[in-house]
PDB file of N, CA and C in Angstrom:
ATOM      1  N   UNK A   1      25.179   2.619  -6.218  1.00  0.00           N
ATOM      2  CA  UNK A   1      24.715   3.206  -4.962  1.00  0.00           C
ATOM      3  C   UNK A   1      24.066   2.110  -4.111  1.00  0.00           C
ATOM      4  N   UNK A   2      24.230   2.231  -2.818  1.00  0.00           N
ATOM      5  CA  UNK A   2      23.692   1.224  -1.902  1.00  0.00           C
ATOM      6  C   UNK A   2      22.239   1.569  -1.564  1.00  0.00           C
ATOM      7  N   UNK A   3      21.291   0.922  -2.223  1.00  0.00           N
ATOM      8  CA  UNK A   3      19.877   1.216  -2.013  1.00  0.00           C
ATOM      9  C   UNK A   3      19.347   0.612  -0.725  1.00  0.00           C
ATOM     10  N   UNK A   4      20.051  -0.353  -0.152  1.00  0.00           N
ATOM     11  CA  UNK A   4      19.615  -0.945   1.117  1.00  0.00           C
ATOM     12  C   UNK A   4      19.610   0.117   2.223  1.00  0.00           C
ATOM     13  N   UNK A   5      20.533   1.064   2.122  1.00  0.00           N
ATOM     14  CA  UNK A   5      20.601   2.132   3.128  1.00  0.00           C
ATOM     15  C   UNK A   5      19.310   2.940   3.157  1.00  0.00           C
ATOM     16  N   UNK A   6      18.724   3.191   1.981  1.00  0.00           N
ATOM     17  CA  UNK A   6      17.506   4.000   1.915  1.00  0.00           C
ATOM     18  C   UNK A   6      16.327   3.311   2.587  1.00  0.00           C
ATOM     19  N   UNK A   7      16.347   1.994   2.656  1.00  0.00           N
ATOM     20  CA  UNK A   7      15.268   1.271   3.337  1.00  0.00           C
ATOM     21  C   UNK A   7      15.293   1.531   4.837  1.00  0.00           C
ATOM     22  N   UNK A   8      16.473   1.798   5.396  1.00  0.00           N
ATOM     23  CA  UNK A   8      16.625   1.968   6.837  1.00  0.00           C
ATOM     24  C   UNK A   8      16.718   3.438   7.250  1.00  0.00           C
ATOM     25  N   UNK A   9      16.601   4.350   6.289  1.00  0.00           N
ATOM     26  CA  UNK A   9      16.751   5.773   6.595  1.00  0.00           C
ATOM     27  C   UNK A   9      15.694   6.240   7.584  1.00  0.00           C
ATOM     28  N   UNK A  10      14.461   5.824   7.390  1.00  0.00           N
ATOM     29  CA  UNK A  10      13.375   6.244   8.279  1.00  0.00           C
ATOM     30  C   UNK A  10      13.656   5.794   9.717  1.00  0.00           C
ATOM     31  N   UNK A  11      14.095   4.564   9.872  1.00  0.00           N
ATOM     32  CA  UNK A  11      14.412   4.053  11.207  1.00  0.00           C
ATOM     33  C   UNK A  11      15.558   4.852  11.825  1.00  0.00           C
ATOM     34  N   UNK A  12      16.577   5.146  11.030  1.00  0.00           N
ATOM     35  CA  UNK A  12      17.721   5.902  11.552  1.00  0.00           C
ATOM     36  C   UNK A  12      17.314   7.305  11.975  1.00  0.00           C
ATOM     37  N   UNK A  13      16.433   7.928  11.201  1.00  0.00           N
ATOM     38  CA  UNK A  13      15.966   9.274  11.562  1.00  0.00           C
ATOM     39  C   UNK A  13      15.144   9.244  12.846  1.00  0.00           C
ATOM     40  N   UNK A  14      14.336   8.204  13.017  1.00  0.00           N
ATOM     41  CA  UNK A  14      13.561   8.084  14.252  1.00  0.00           C
ATOM     42  C   UNK A  14      14.487   7.879  15.457  1.00  0.00           C
ATOM     43  N   UNK A  15      15.521   7.078  15.278  1.00  0.00           N
ATOM     44  CA  UNK A  15      16.478   6.855  16.367  1.00  0.00           C
ATOM     45  C   UNK A  15      17.190   8.160  16.715  1.00  0.00           C
ATOM     46  N   UNK A  16      17.603   8.904  15.698  1.00  0.00           N
ATOM     47  CA  UNK A  16      18.277  10.178  15.922  1.00  0.00           C
ATOM     48  C   UNK A  16      17.361  11.169  16.645  1.00  0.00           C
ATOM     49  N   UNK A  17      16.105  11.235  16.230  1.00  0.00           N
ATOM     50  CA  UNK A  17      15.148  12.135  16.872  1.00  0.00           C
ATOM     51  C   UNK A  17      14.917  11.733  18.324  1.00  0.00           C
ATOM     52  N   UNK A  18      14.784  10.446  18.582  1.00  0.00           N
ATOM     53  CA  UNK A  18      14.569   9.974  19.955  1.00  0.00           C
ATOM     54  C   UNK A  18      15.781  10.289  20.823  1.00  0.00           C
ATOM     55  N   UNK A  19      16.969  10.091  20.277  1.00  0.00           N
ATOM     56  CA  UNK A  19      18.187  10.383  21.023  1.00  0.00           C
ATOM     57  C   UNK A  19      18.254  11.870  21.366  1.00  0.00           C
ATOM     58  N   UNK A  20      17.889  12.713  20.418  1.00  0.00           N
ATOM     59  CA  UNK A  20      17.902  14.155  20.642  1.00  0.00           C
ATOM     60  C   UNK A  20      16.902  14.538  21.728  1.00  0.00           C
ATOM     61  N   UNK A  21      15.704  13.954  21.659  1.00  0.00           N
ATOM     62  CA  UNK A  21      14.668  14.284  22.642  1.00  0.00           C
ATOM     63  C   UNK A  21      15.043  13.811  24.040  1.00  0.00           C
ATOM     64  N   UNK A  22      15.883  12.805  24.138  1.00  0.00           N
ATOM     65  CA  UNK A  22      16.319  12.320  25.442  1.00  0.00           C
ATOM     66  C   UNK A  22      17.507  13.134  25.960  1.00  0.00           C
ATOM     67  N   UNK A  23      18.482  13.369  25.098  1.00  0.00           N
ATOM     68  CA  UNK A  23      19.726  13.997  25.545  1.00  0.00           C
ATOM     69  C   UNK A  23      19.602  15.491  25.802  1.00  0.00           C
ATOM     70  N   UNK A  24      18.842  16.214  25.002  1.00  0.00           N
ATOM     71  CA  UNK A  24      18.748  17.669  25.188  1.00  0.00           C
ATOM     72  C   UNK A  24      18.178  18.037  26.563  1.00  0.00           C
ATOM     73  N   UNK A  25      17.050  17.476  26.968  1.00  0.00           N
ATOM     74  CA  UNK A  25      16.554  17.803  28.319  1.00  0.00           C
ATOM     75  C   UNK A  25      17.503  17.318  29.417  1.00  0.00           C
ATOM     76  N   UNK A  26      18.200  16.218  29.167  1.00  0.00           N
ATOM     77  CA  UNK A  26      19.139  15.724  30.179  1.00  0.00           C
ATOM     78  C   UNK A  26      20.274  16.723  30.376  1.00  0.00           C
ATOM     79  N   UNK A  27      20.856  17.224  29.295  1.00  0.00           N
ATOM     80  CA  UNK A  27      21.926  18.210  29.417  1.00  0.00           C
ATOM     81  C   UNK A  27      21.415  19.507  30.033  1.00  0.00           C
ATOM     82  N   UNK A  28      20.204  19.920  29.665  1.00  0.00           N
ATOM     83  CA  UNK A  28      19.627  21.128  30.245  1.00  0.00           C
ATOM     84  C   UNK A  28      19.425  20.946  31.745  1.00  0.00           C
ATOM     85  N   UNK A  29      18.965  19.787  32.158  1.00  0.00           N
ATOM     86  CA  UNK A  29      18.780  19.512  33.583  1.00  0.00           C
ATOM     87  C   UNK A  29      20.087  19.554  34.344  1.00  0.00           C
ATOM     88  N   UNK A  30      21.135  19.022  33.767  1.00  0.00           N
ATOM     89  CA  UNK A  30      22.450  19.049  34.415  1.00  0.00           C
ATOM     90  C   UNK A  30      22.926  20.484  34.570  1.00  0.00           C
ATOM     91  N   UNK A  31      22.745  21.299  33.546  1.00  0.00           N
ATOM     92  CA  UNK A  31      23.164  22.706  33.611  1.00  0.00           C
ATOM     93  C   UNK A  31      22.408  23.448  34.712  1.00  0.00           C
ATOM     94  N   UNK A  32      21.107  23.221  34.808  1.00  0.00           N
ATOM     95  CA  UNK A  32      20.301  23.870  35.843  1.00  0.00           C
ATOM     96  C   UNK A  32      20.772  23.433  37.225  1.00  0.00           C
ATOM     97  N   UNK A  33      21.029  22.134  37.378  1.00  0.00           N
ATOM     98  CA  UNK A  33      21.506  21.598  38.660  1.00  0.00           C
ATOM     99  C   UNK A  33      22.839  22.229  39.053  1.00  0.00           C
ATOM    100  N   UNK A  34      23.763  22.320  38.088  1.00  0.00           N
ATOM    101  CA  UNK A  34      25.075  22.908  38.371  1.00  0.00           C
ATOM    102  C   UNK A  34      24.940  24.377  38.750  1.00  0.00           C
ATOM    103  N   UNK A  35      24.081  25.116  38.059  1.00  0.00           N
ATOM    104  CA  UNK A  35      23.904  26.541  38.352  1.00  0.00           C
ATOM    105  C   UNK A  35      23.318  26.738  39.758  1.00  0.00           C
ATOM    106  N   UNK A  36      22.352  25.903  40.125  1.00  0.00           N
ATOM    107  CA  UNK A  36      21.760  26.027  41.461  1.00  0.00           C
ATOM    108  C   UNK A  36      22.782  25.718  42.547  1.00  0.00           C
ATOM    109  N   UNK A  37      23.619  24.708  42.318  1.00  0.00           N
ATOM    110  CA  UNK A  37      24.672  24.396  43.288  1.00  0.00           C
ATOM    111  C   UNK A  37      25.642  25.552  43.429  1.00  0.00           C
ATOM    112  N   UNK A  38      26.038  26.153  42.311  1.00  0.00           N
ATOM    113  CA  UNK A  38      26.969  27.272  42.340  1.00  0.00           C
ATOM    114  C   UNK A  38      26.362  28.466  43.064  1.00  0.00           C
ATOM    115  N   UNK A  39      25.098  28.756  42.818  1.00  0.00           N
ATOM    116  CA  UNK A  39      24.426  29.864  43.498  1.00  0.00           C
ATOM    117  C   UNK A  39      24.351  29.606  44.999  1.00  0.00           C
ATOM    118  N   UNK A  40      24.076  28.373  45.397  1.00  0.00           N
ATOM    119  CA  UNK A  40      24.007  28.042  46.826  1.00  0.00           C
ATOM    120  C   UNK A  40      25.372  28.229  47.480  1.00  0.00           C
ATOM    121  N   UNK A  41      26.439  27.827  46.820  1.00  0.00           N
ATOM    122  CA  UNK A  41      27.786  28.002  47.368  1.00  0.00           C
ATOM    123  C   UNK A  41      28.130  29.478  47.505  1.00  0.00           C
ATOM    124  N   UNK A  42      27.739  30.282  46.522  1.00  0.00           N
ATOM    125  CA  UNK A  42      28.009  31.712  46.585  1.00  0.00           C
ATOM    126  C   UNK A  42      27.243  32.365  47.731  1.00  0.00           C
ATOM    127  N   UNK A  43      26.009  31.938  47.945  1.00  0.00           N
ATOM    128  CA  UNK A  43      25.218  32.490  49.050  1.00  0.00           C
ATOM    129  C   UNK A  43      25.841  32.128  50.395  1.00  0.00           C
ATOM    130  N   UNK A  44      26.369  30.913  50.515  1.00  0.00           N
ATOM    131  CA  UNK A  44      27.025  30.505  51.754  1.00  0.00           C
ATOM    132  C   UNK A  44      28.270  31.352  52.009  1.00  0.00           C
ATOM    133  N   UNK A  45      29.047  31.601  50.954  1.00  0.00           N
ATOM    134  CA  UNK A  45      30.236  32.427  51.102  1.00  0.00           C
ATOM    135  C   UNK A  45      29.876  33.855  51.505  1.00  0.00           C
ATOM    136  N   UNK A  46      28.838  34.421  50.907  1.00  0.00           N
ATOM    137  CA  UNK A  46      28.418  35.761  51.273  1.00  0.00           C
ATOM    138  C   UNK A  46      27.920  35.828  52.712  1.00  0.00           C
ATOM    139  N   UNK A  47      27.234  34.777  53.139  1.00  0.00           N
ATOM    140  CA  UNK A  47      26.743  34.737  54.529  1.00  0.00           C
ATOM    141  C   UNK A  47      27.933  34.661  55.496  1.00  0.00           C
ATOM    142  N   UNK A  48      28.967  33.920  55.145  1.00  0.00           N
ATOM    143  CA  UNK A  48      30.144  33.809  56.010  1.00  0.00           C
ATOM    144  C   UNK A  48      30.907  35.141  56.062  1.00  0.00           C
ATOM    145  N   UNK A  49      30.946  35.852  54.947  1.00  0.00           N
ATOM    146  CA  UNK A  49      31.642  37.141  54.917  1.00  0.00           C
ATOM    147  C   UNK A  49      30.931  38.175  55.778  1.00  0.00           C
ATOM    148  N   UNK A  50      29.595  38.106  55.856  1.00  0.00           N
ATOM    149  CA  UNK A  50      28.823  39.056  56.650  1.00  0.00           C
ATOM    150  C   UNK A  50      29.020  38.836  58.141  1.00  0.00           C
ATOM    151  N   UNK A  51      29.358  37.605  58.524  1.00  0.00           N
ATOM    152  CA  UNK A  51      29.509  37.309  59.950  1.00  0.00           C
ATOM    153  C   UNK A  51      30.795  37.820  60.513  1.00  0.00           C
TER     154      UNK A  51
END
């Protein structure tokens, strides 16, 4: 068994946790941005239909 890997496990877990903490809010922010854009476009279309 490769015991050298176990020496770096803690570092790898910290990197994975940091990546998760960075990427999850980033993806959530993109989803919120896309939803707001879609809602704004729908409101514009409804306003044009009323005219």
